[in-house]
Amino acid sequence: MGHGTTLNDQSAAPVRQHAAELRGRKLFAEVREGFWKQEPHIQTVLAELTAPRVFIVPFFISEGYFSTEVIPQGLGFTCPKLLTRITRHSAVYYCKPVGSHDLMTTVILARAKEVVEKFPFPRAPKPADTTLFIAGHGTGRNANSRKAVERQADLIRGLNAYAGVEAIFMEEAPFIKGCHETGNTKNIVVVPFFISDGLHAREDIPVLLGEPERLVKERLAAGQPTWRNPTERGGKYIWYADSVGTEPLLAEVILQRVREAAK
């Protein structure tokens, strides 16, 4: 289940991608996509199901306001400690969001490695000579929103693979804007800890990283990447990766969340 939006056609792409992958594995009677803000709506999908067990996996980054409060309550899960309910046909289980799973560390590292290898300048910089920034949204409405990002920064920092690892945010300090000034290395990799390459990842963050808004909109209209890898800012080179949501490993994270709930 994704958030969904009618404002950006890329928002639903990761959910559809991983649903198609899991359908192809033939592990379940059905694998269906449902969304909170666009068709097909999750309530409509649930009403059509007749399997004895149904698992809802929220394709969200954090255990934040929407994934732990708004959506479960809207779907009829009245007790936050017991996210199971019985319908006429099924026992319905509400799983934890994908973004707080431990495998997300591997996903972030894969994204960071991928972008510098795809765009070497003139060769891919070593992680030991690079600062890794994990970019999240952040919000004052729920303190848990930033925890998934900060936890991943802590875990990757503990691996001692990069010269530095920091969490940065759109709407909370430390902010994405000006982050290259705090990095202590010439090379910087920014991985957006977002589900889709939608409005925030493709438009807002490139602007916050210093790209002129006019140029970002022109590239977007032309179907071009909104960030050129690497881009030089203040004598430093910044690589900007794809969002984590389309990483193929996310299909495994979904399966892990189902197995946890099944226990």
C-alpha atoms as a PDB file:
ATOM      1  CA  MET A   1       0.000   0.000   0.000  1.00  0.00           C
ATOM      2  CA  GLY A   2       1.342   3.358  -1.061  1.00  0.00           C
ATOM      3  CA  HIS A   3       0.417   6.928  -0.228  1.00  0.00           C
ATOM      4  CA  GLY A   4      -0.288   7.884  -3.820  1.00  0.00           C
ATOM      5  CA  THR A   5      -1.093  11.284  -5.287  1.00  0.00           C
ATOM      6  CA  THR A   6      -2.889  12.689  -8.309  1.00  0.00           C
ATOM      7  CA  LEU A   7      -0.212  15.381  -8.656  1.00  0.00           C
ATOM      8  CA  ASN A   8       2.706  13.209  -9.813  1.00  0.00           C
ATOM      9  CA  ASP A   9       2.550  10.097 -11.991  1.00  0.00           C
ATOM     10  CA  GLN A  10       5.828   8.739 -10.545  1.00  0.00           C
ATOM     11  CA  SER A  11       4.458   8.412  -7.016  1.00  0.00           C
ATOM     12  CA  ALA A  12       2.814   5.024  -7.572  1.00  0.00           C
ATOM     13  CA  ALA A  13       5.617   3.523  -9.698  1.00  0.00           C
ATOM     14  CA  PRO A  14       7.603   1.815  -6.885  1.00  0.00           C
ATOM     15  CA  VAL A  15       4.505   0.127  -5.436  1.00  0.00           C
ATOM     16  CA  ARG A  16       3.537  -1.184  -8.875  1.00  0.00           C
ATOM     17  CA  GLN A  17       7.118  -2.294  -9.545  1.00  0.00           C
ATOM     18  CA  HIS A  18       7.429  -4.443  -6.439  1.00  0.00           C
ATOM     19  CA  ALA A  19       3.856  -5.768  -6.638  1.00  0.00           C
ATOM     20  CA  ALA A  20       4.604  -7.011 -10.159  1.00  0.00           C
ATOM     21  CA  GLU A  21       7.827  -8.647  -8.950  1.00  0.00           C
ATOM     22  CA  LEU A  22       6.053 -10.455  -6.110  1.00  0.00           C
ATOM     23  CA  ARG A  23       3.188 -11.537  -8.361  1.00  0.00           C
ATOM     24  CA  GLY A  24       5.742 -13.126 -10.632  1.00  0.00           C
ATOM     25  CA  ARG A  25       7.099 -15.237  -7.769  1.00  0.00           C
ATOM     26  CA  LYS A  26       3.663 -16.832  -7.199  1.00  0.00           C
ATOM     27  CA  LEU A  27       4.084 -16.947  -3.407  1.00  0.00           C
ATOM     28  CA  PHE A  28       0.610 -15.596  -2.630  1.00  0.00           C
ATOM     29  CA  ALA A  29      -2.921 -16.225  -3.846  1.00  0.00           C
ATOM     30  CA  GLU A  30      -2.963 -12.577  -4.886  1.00  0.00           C
ATOM     31  CA  VAL A  31      -0.727  -9.519  -4.761  1.00  0.00           C
ATOM     32  CA  ARG A  32      -2.688  -6.288  -5.102  1.00  0.00           C
ATOM     33  CA  GLU A  33      -1.755  -2.617  -5.096  1.00  0.00           C
ATOM     34  CA  GLY A  34      -3.762  -0.123  -3.069  1.00  0.00           C
ATOM     35  CA  PHE A  35      -3.269   3.565  -2.333  1.00  0.00           C
ATOM     36  CA  TRP A  36      -4.421   6.107   0.209  1.00  0.00           C
ATOM     37  CA  LYS A  37      -4.748   9.093  -2.139  1.00  0.00           C
ATOM     38  CA  GLN A  38      -5.360   7.635  -5.598  1.00  0.00           C
ATOM     39  CA  GLU A  39      -6.977   4.754  -7.454  1.00  0.00           C
ATOM     40  CA  PRO A  40      -7.232   1.939  -6.656  1.00  0.00           C
ATOM     41  CA  HIS A  41      -8.008   3.037  -3.103  1.00  0.00           C
ATOM     42  CA  ILE A  42      -6.970   0.607  -0.392  1.00  0.00           C
ATOM     43  CA  GLN A  43     -10.493   0.444   1.050  1.00  0.00           C
ATOM     44  CA  THR A  44     -11.883  -0.616  -2.351  1.00  0.00           C
ATOM     45  CA  VAL A  45      -9.210  -3.281  -2.778  1.00  0.00           C
ATOM     46  CA  LEU A  46      -9.785  -4.712   0.696  1.00  0.00           C
ATOM     47  CA  ALA A  47     -13.526  -4.975   0.052  1.00  0.00           C
ATOM     48  CA  GLU A  48     -12.838  -7.158  -3.000  1.00  0.00           C
ATOM     49  CA  LEU A  49     -10.619  -9.698  -1.227  1.00  0.00           C
ATOM     50  CA  THR A  50     -11.858 -13.069   0.010  1.00  0.00           C
ATOM     51  CA  ALA A  51      -8.608 -14.786   1.042  1.00  0.00           C
ATOM     52  CA  PRO A  52      -8.597 -16.020   4.675  1.00  0.00           C
ATOM     53  CA  ARG A  53      -5.527 -13.913   5.490  1.00  0.00           C
ATOM     54  CA  VAL A  54      -4.661 -10.476   4.149  1.00  0.00           C
ATOM     55  CA  PHE A  55      -1.409  -8.606   4.860  1.00  0.00           C
ATOM     56  CA  ILE A  56      -1.181  -4.858   4.281  1.00  0.00           C
ATOM     57  CA  VAL A  57       2.413  -3.667   3.911  1.00  0.00           C
ATOM     58  CA  PRO A  58       2.648   0.148   4.081  1.00  0.00           C
ATOM     59  CA  PHE A  59       5.219   1.282   1.529  1.00  0.00           C
ATOM     60  CA  PHE A  60       6.317   4.211   3.685  1.00  0.00           C
ATOM     61  CA  ILE A  61       9.741   5.370   4.853  1.00  0.00           C
ATOM     62  CA  SER A  62       9.041   5.819   8.559  1.00  0.00           C
ATOM     63  CA  GLU A  63       6.751   4.827  11.401  1.00  0.00           C
ATOM     64  CA  GLY A  64       5.378   8.328  11.305  1.00  0.00           C
ATOM     65  CA  TYR A  65       2.124  10.255  11.292  1.00  0.00           C
ATOM     66  CA  PHE A  66       0.487   8.655   8.251  1.00  0.00           C
ATOM     67  CA  SER A  67       1.730   5.086   8.537  1.00  0.00           C
ATOM     68  CA  THR A  68       1.100   4.639  12.282  1.00  0.00           C
ATOM     69  CA  GLU A  69      -1.834   6.968  12.977  1.00  0.00           C
ATOM     70  CA  VAL A  70      -3.901   8.227  10.050  1.00  0.00           C
ATOM     71  CA  ILE A  71      -3.990   5.098   7.884  1.00  0.00           C
ATOM     72  CA  PRO A  72      -4.457   2.355  10.517  1.00  0.00           C
ATOM     73  CA  GLN A  73      -7.267   4.343  12.126  1.00  0.00           C
ATOM     74  CA  GLY A  74      -8.832   4.980   8.728  1.00  0.00           C
ATOM     75  CA  LEU A  75      -8.749   1.255   7.989  1.00  0.00           C
ATOM     76  CA  GLY A  76     -10.438   0.318  11.244  1.00  0.00           C
ATOM     77  CA  PHE A  77      -7.468  -0.747  13.369  1.00  0.00           C
ATOM     78  CA  THR A  78      -8.537   0.814  16.648  1.00  0.00           C
ATOM     79  CA  CYS A  79      -5.695  -0.416  18.875  1.00  0.00           C
ATOM     80  CA  PRO A  80      -2.146   0.604  17.877  1.00  0.00           C
ATOM     81  CA  LYS A  81      -0.689  -2.359  19.791  1.00  0.00           C
ATOM     82  CA  LEU A  82      -2.809  -4.946  17.974  1.00  0.00           C
ATOM     83  CA  LEU A  83      -2.911  -4.228  14.241  1.00  0.00           C
ATOM     84  CA  THR A  84      -5.155  -7.140  13.325  1.00  0.00           C
ATOM     85  CA  ARG A  85      -8.871  -7.132  12.619  1.00  0.00           C
ATOM     86  CA  ILE A  86     -11.453  -9.608  11.367  1.00  0.00           C
ATOM     87  CA  THR A  87     -13.712  -8.886   8.389  1.00  0.00           C
ATOM     88  CA  ARG A  88     -16.496 -11.004   6.966  1.00  0.00           C
ATOM     89  CA  HIS A  89     -13.997 -13.019   4.899  1.00  0.00           C
ATOM     90  CA  SER A  90     -10.520 -12.425   6.286  1.00  0.00           C
ATOM     91  CA  ALA A  91      -8.131 -11.808   9.108  1.00  0.00           C
ATOM     92  CA  VAL A  92      -6.386  -8.566   8.097  1.00  0.00           C
ATOM     93  CA  TYR A  93      -2.892  -7.789   9.349  1.00  0.00           C
ATOM     94  CA  TYR A  94      -1.304  -4.336   9.177  1.00  0.00           C
ATOM     95  CA  CYS A  95       2.488  -4.700   8.898  1.00  0.00           C
ATOM     96  CA  LYS A  96       5.256  -2.306   9.836  1.00  0.00           C
ATOM     97  CA  PRO A  97       6.405   0.119   7.099  1.00  0.00           C
ATOM     98  CA  VAL A  98       9.267  -0.949   4.857  1.00  0.00           C
ATOM     99  CA  GLY A  99      11.495   2.041   5.620  1.00  0.00           C
ATOM    100  CA  SER A 100      12.268   1.088   9.222  1.00  0.00           C
ATOM    101  CA  HIS A 101      13.513  -2.414   8.328  1.00  0.00           C
ATOM    102  CA  ASP A 102      17.201  -3.240   8.893  1.00  0.00           C
ATOM    103  CA  LEU A 103      17.643  -4.207   5.220  1.00  0.00           C
ATOM    104  CA  MET A 104      17.258  -0.528   4.302  1.00  0.00           C
ATOM    105  CA  THR A 105      20.922  -0.100   5.244  1.00  0.00           C
ATOM    106  CA  THR A 106      21.858  -2.363   2.337  1.00  0.00           C
ATOM    107  CA  VAL A 107      19.447  -0.474   0.072  1.00  0.00           C
ATOM    108  CA  ILE A 108      21.025   2.919   0.873  1.00  0.00           C
ATOM    109  CA  LEU A 109      24.557   1.605   0.390  1.00  0.00           C
ATOM    110  CA  ALA A 110      23.549   0.095  -2.946  1.00  0.00           C
ATOM    111  CA  ARG A 111      22.130   3.433  -4.120  1.00  0.00           C
ATOM    112  CA  ALA A 112      25.244   5.338  -3.031  1.00  0.00           C
ATOM    113  CA  LYS A 113      27.577   2.899  -4.766  1.00  0.00           C
ATOM    114  CA  GLU A 114      25.472   2.793  -7.915  1.00  0.00           C
ATOM    115  CA  VAL A 115      25.420   6.537  -8.575  1.00  0.00           C
ATOM    116  CA  VAL A 116      29.191   7.103  -8.350  1.00  0.00           C
ATOM    117  CA  GLU A 117      29.926   4.028 -10.477  1.00  0.00           C
ATOM    118  CA  LYS A 118      27.422   5.162 -13.100  1.00  0.00           C
ATOM    119  CA  PHE A 119      28.854   8.696 -13.212  1.00  0.00           C
ATOM    120  CA  PRO A 120      32.616   8.481 -12.449  1.00  0.00           C
ATOM    121  CA  PHE A 121      34.520  11.760 -12.565  1.00  0.00           C
ATOM    122  CA  PRO A 122      36.947  10.769 -13.909  1.00  0.00           C
ATOM    123  CA  ARG A 123      36.710   7.682 -11.712  1.00  0.00           C
ATOM    124  CA  ALA A 124      34.385   6.736  -8.875  1.00  0.00           C
ATOM    125  CA  PRO A 125      35.587   8.243  -5.561  1.00  0.00           C
ATOM    126  CA  LYS A 126      36.345   5.855  -2.728  1.00  0.00           C
ATOM    127  CA  PRO A 127      33.840   5.808   0.169  1.00  0.00           C
ATOM    128  CA  ALA A 128      36.716   6.654   2.512  1.00  0.00           C
ATOM    129  CA  ASP A 129      37.088   9.943   0.612  1.00  0.00           C
ATOM    130  CA  THR A 130      33.351  10.665   0.548  1.00  0.00           C
ATOM    131  CA  THR A 131      30.688  12.077   2.881  1.00  0.00           C
ATOM    132  CA  LEU A 132      27.315  10.324   2.631  1.00  0.00           C
ATOM    133  CA  PHE A 133      24.186  12.363   3.322  1.00  0.00           C
ATOM    134  CA  ILE A 134      20.850  10.567   3.787  1.00  0.00           C
ATOM    135  CA  ALA A 135      18.097  13.037   2.906  1.00  0.00           C
ATOM    136  CA  GLY A 136      14.664  12.733   4.539  1.00  0.00           C
ATOM    137  CA  HIS A 137      11.525  14.833   4.710  1.00  0.00           C
ATOM    138  CA  GLY A 138      11.158  15.530   8.423  1.00  0.00           C
ATOM    139  CA  THR A 139       8.049  16.972  10.038  1.00  0.00           C
ATOM    140  CA  GLY A 140       7.060  18.544  13.320  1.00  0.00           C
ATOM    141  CA  ARG A 141       3.819  16.526  13.420  1.00  0.00           C
ATOM    142  CA  ASN A 142       5.436  13.256  14.478  1.00  0.00           C
ATOM    143  CA  ALA A 143       8.838  12.758  16.116  1.00  0.00           C
ATOM    144  CA  ASN A 144       9.150   9.288  14.579  1.00  0.00           C
ATOM    145  CA  SER A 145       9.275  10.741  11.079  1.00  0.00           C
ATOM    146  CA  ARG A 146      13.000  11.457  11.274  1.00  0.00           C
ATOM    147  CA  LYS A 147      13.986   8.437  13.357  1.00  0.00           C
ATOM    148  CA  ALA A 148      14.231   6.031  10.413  1.00  0.00           C
ATOM    149  CA  VAL A 149      16.639   8.396   8.635  1.00  0.00           C
ATOM    150  CA  GLU A 150      18.752   9.025  11.731  1.00  0.00           C
ATOM    151  CA  ARG A 151      18.861   5.314  12.548  1.00  0.00           C
ATOM    152  CA  GLN A 152      20.202   4.476   9.094  1.00  0.00           C
ATOM    153  CA  ALA A 153      22.823   7.204   9.412  1.00  0.00           C
ATOM    154  CA  ASP A 154      23.914   5.704  12.746  1.00  0.00           C
ATOM    155  CA  LEU A 155      24.064   2.164  11.344  1.00  0.00           C
ATOM    156  CA  ILE A 156      26.090   3.137   8.276  1.00  0.00           C
ATOM    157  CA  ARG A 157      28.359   5.380  10.343  1.00  0.00           C
ATOM    158  CA  GLY A 158      29.130   2.343  12.491  1.00  0.00           C
ATOM    159  CA  LEU A 159      30.410   0.470   9.431  1.00  0.00           C
ATOM    160  CA  ASN A 160      33.253   3.029   9.055  1.00  0.00           C
ATOM    161  CA  ALA A 161      32.960   2.792   5.269  1.00  0.00           C
ATOM    162  CA  TYR A 162      32.511   6.526   4.586  1.00  0.00           C
ATOM    163  CA  ALA A 163      34.489   9.495   5.840  1.00  0.00           C
ATOM    164  CA  GLY A 164      31.230  10.834   7.276  1.00  0.00           C
ATOM    165  CA  VAL A 165      27.554   9.911   7.341  1.00  0.00           C
ATOM    166  CA  GLU A 166      24.848  12.445   8.194  1.00  0.00           C
ATOM    167  CA  ALA A 167      21.048  12.669   8.196  1.00  0.00           C
ATOM    168  CA  ILE A 168      19.610  15.830   6.602  1.00  0.00           C
ATOM    169  CA  PHE A 169      16.017  16.999   6.140  1.00  0.00           C
ATOM    170  CA  MET A 170      13.766  19.189   4.036  1.00  0.00           C
ATOM    171  CA  GLU A 171      11.701  20.631   6.890  1.00  0.00           C
ATOM    172  CA  GLU A 172      13.838  20.125   9.992  1.00  0.00           C
ATOM    173  CA  ALA A 173      17.402  20.830  11.042  1.00  0.00           C
ATOM    174  CA  PRO A 174      19.954  19.804   9.967  1.00  0.00           C
ATOM    175  CA  PHE A 175      18.649  21.009   6.619  1.00  0.00           C
ATOM    176  CA  ILE A 176      19.458  19.737   3.137  1.00  0.00           C
ATOM    177  CA  LYS A 177      20.136  23.278   1.977  1.00  0.00           C
ATOM    178  CA  GLY A 178      23.827  24.053   2.412  1.00  0.00           C
ATOM    179  CA  CYS A 179      24.753  20.514   3.472  1.00  0.00           C
ATOM    180  CA  HIS A 180      27.782  20.512   1.150  1.00  0.00           C
ATOM    181  CA  GLU A 181      29.296  23.221   3.310  1.00  0.00           C
ATOM    182  CA  THR A 182      29.295  20.911   6.348  1.00  0.00           C
ATOM    183  CA  GLY A 183      30.788  17.915   4.538  1.00  0.00           C
ATOM    184  CA  ASN A 184      34.494  17.564   5.306  1.00  0.00           C
ATOM    185  CA  THR A 185      35.396  15.826   2.043  1.00  0.00           C
ATOM    186  CA  LYS A 186      35.667  16.933  -1.569  1.00  0.00           C
ATOM    187  CA  ASN A 187      33.220  14.205  -2.620  1.00  0.00           C
ATOM    188  CA  ILE A 188      29.618  14.103  -1.414  1.00  0.00           C
ATOM    189  CA  VAL A 189      26.894  11.561  -2.140  1.00  0.00           C
ATOM    190  CA  VAL A 190      23.275  12.393  -1.322  1.00  0.00           C
ATOM    191  CA  VAL A 191      20.786   9.505  -1.163  1.00  0.00           C
ATOM    192  CA  PRO A 192      17.121  10.593  -0.934  1.00  0.00           C
ATOM    193  CA  PHE A 193      15.406   8.389   1.653  1.00  0.00           C
ATOM    194  CA  PHE A 194      12.108   8.680  -0.191  1.00  0.00           C
ATOM    195  CA  ILE A 195       9.814   6.052  -1.665  1.00  0.00           C
ATOM    196  CA  SER A 196       9.431   7.571  -5.129  1.00  0.00           C
ATOM    197  CA  ASP A 197      11.246   9.845  -7.527  1.00  0.00           C
ATOM    198  CA  GLY A 198       8.343  12.267  -7.257  1.00  0.00           C
ATOM    199  CA  LEU A 199       7.976  15.955  -6.469  1.00  0.00           C
ATOM    200  CA  HIS A 200      10.357  16.082  -3.499  1.00  0.00           C
ATOM    201  CA  ALA A 201      13.106  13.908  -4.983  1.00  0.00           C
ATOM    202  CA  ARG A 202      13.059  15.254  -8.545  1.00  0.00           C
ATOM    203  CA  GLU A 203      12.256  18.925  -7.933  1.00  0.00           C
ATOM    204  CA  ASP A 204      12.518  20.138  -4.343  1.00  0.00           C
ATOM    205  CA  ILE A 205      15.782  18.506  -3.251  1.00  0.00           C
ATOM    206  CA  PRO A 206      17.810  19.480  -6.364  1.00  0.00           C
ATOM    207  CA  VAL A 207      16.779  23.098  -5.704  1.00  0.00           C
ATOM    208  CA  LEU A 208      17.733  22.782  -2.031  1.00  0.00           C
ATOM    209  CA  LEU A 209      21.120  21.437  -3.152  1.00  0.00           C
ATOM    210  CA  GLY A 210      21.661  24.636  -5.120  1.00  0.00           C
ATOM    211  CA  GLU A 211      20.315  23.979  -8.610  1.00  0.00           C
ATOM    212  CA  PRO A 212      18.332  26.957  -9.994  1.00  0.00           C
ATOM    213  CA  GLU A 213      14.584  26.270  -9.877  1.00  0.00           C
ATOM    214  CA  ARG A 214      14.182  27.509 -13.452  1.00  0.00           C
ATOM    215  CA  LEU A 215      16.759  24.991 -14.702  1.00  0.00           C
ATOM    216  CA  VAL A 216      15.177  22.141 -12.744  1.00  0.00           C
ATOM    217  CA  LYS A 217      11.753  22.871 -14.264  1.00  0.00           C
ATOM    218  CA  GLU A 218      13.229  23.119 -17.779  1.00  0.00           C
ATOM    219  CA  ARG A 219      14.938  19.753 -17.432  1.00  0.00           C
ATOM    220  CA  LEU A 220      11.803  18.210 -15.985  1.00  0.00           C
ATOM    221  CA  ALA A 221       9.693  19.491 -18.884  1.00  0.00           C
ATOM    222  CA  ALA A 222      12.238  18.069 -21.337  1.00  0.00           C
ATOM    223  CA  GLY A 223      12.187  14.649 -19.637  1.00  0.00           C
ATOM    224  CA  GLN A 224      15.796  15.029 -18.487  1.00  0.00           C
ATOM    225  CA  PRO A 225      17.350  14.253 -15.075  1.00  0.00           C
ATOM    226  CA  THR A 226      16.950  17.317 -12.865  1.00  0.00           C
ATOM    227  CA  TRP A 227      20.442  16.884 -11.390  1.00  0.00           C
ATOM    228  CA  ARG A 228      23.686  16.387 -13.342  1.00  0.00           C
ATOM    229  CA  ASN A 229      26.090  13.949 -11.659  1.00  0.00           C
ATOM    230  CA  PRO A 230      28.425  15.114 -10.333  1.00  0.00           C
ATOM    231  CA  THR A 231      27.711  18.818  -9.916  1.00  0.00           C
ATOM    232  CA  GLU A 232      30.358  21.111  -8.432  1.00  0.00           C
ATOM    233  CA  ARG A 233      29.349  23.310  -5.500  1.00  0.00           C
ATOM    234  CA  GLY A 234      31.887  25.383  -3.589  1.00  0.00           C
ATOM    235  CA  GLY A 235      34.826  23.276  -4.761  1.00  0.00           C
ATOM    236  CA  LYS A 236      33.090  19.995  -3.866  1.00  0.00           C
ATOM    237  CA  TYR A 237      31.509  17.394  -6.129  1.00  0.00           C
ATOM    238  CA  ILE A 238      27.979  16.229  -5.338  1.00  0.00           C
ATOM    239  CA  TRP A 239      26.449  13.000  -6.604  1.00  0.00           C
ATOM    240  CA  TYR A 240      22.675  12.726  -6.165  1.00  0.00           C
ATOM    241  CA  ALA A 241      21.252   9.181  -6.232  1.00  0.00           C
ATOM    242  CA  ASP A 242      17.832   7.798  -7.132  1.00  0.00           C
ATOM    243  CA  SER A 243      15.288   7.383  -4.335  1.00  0.00           C
ATOM    244  CA  VAL A 244      15.477   4.166  -2.358  1.00  0.00           C
ATOM    245  CA  GLY A 245      11.938   3.048  -3.232  1.00  0.00           C
ATOM    246  CA  THR A 246      12.770   1.621  -6.665  1.00  0.00           C
ATOM    247  CA  GLU A 247      15.738  -0.443  -5.469  1.00  0.00           C
ATOM    248  CA  PRO A 248      14.952  -4.126  -6.370  1.00  0.00           C
ATOM    249  CA  LEU A 249      15.848  -5.300  -2.860  1.00  0.00           C
ATOM    250  CA  LEU A 250      12.647  -3.637  -1.569  1.00  0.00           C
ATOM    251  CA  ALA A 251      10.671  -6.689  -2.715  1.00  0.00           C
ATOM    252  CA  GLU A 252      12.589  -8.691  -0.079  1.00  0.00           C
ATOM    253  CA  VAL A 253      11.835  -6.066   2.552  1.00  0.00           C
ATOM    254  CA  ILE A 254       8.109  -6.413   1.804  1.00  0.00           C
ATOM    255  CA  LEU A 255       8.340 -10.179   2.240  1.00  0.00           C
ATOM    256  CA  GLN A 256      10.165  -9.757   5.545  1.00  0.00           C
ATOM    257  CA  ARG A 257       7.424  -7.478   6.871  1.00  0.00           C
ATOM    258  CA  VAL A 258       4.773 -10.073   5.925  1.00  0.00           C
ATOM    259  CA  ARG A 259       6.723 -12.894   7.615  1.00  0.00           C
ATOM    260  CA  GLU A 260       7.065 -10.835  10.794  1.00  0.00           C
ATOM    261  CA  ALA A 261       3.324 -10.198  10.929  1.00  0.00           C
ATOM    262  CA  ALA A 262       2.554 -13.841  10.134  1.00  0.00           C
ATOM    263  CA  LYS A 263       4.436 -14.940  13.246  1.00  0.00           C
END
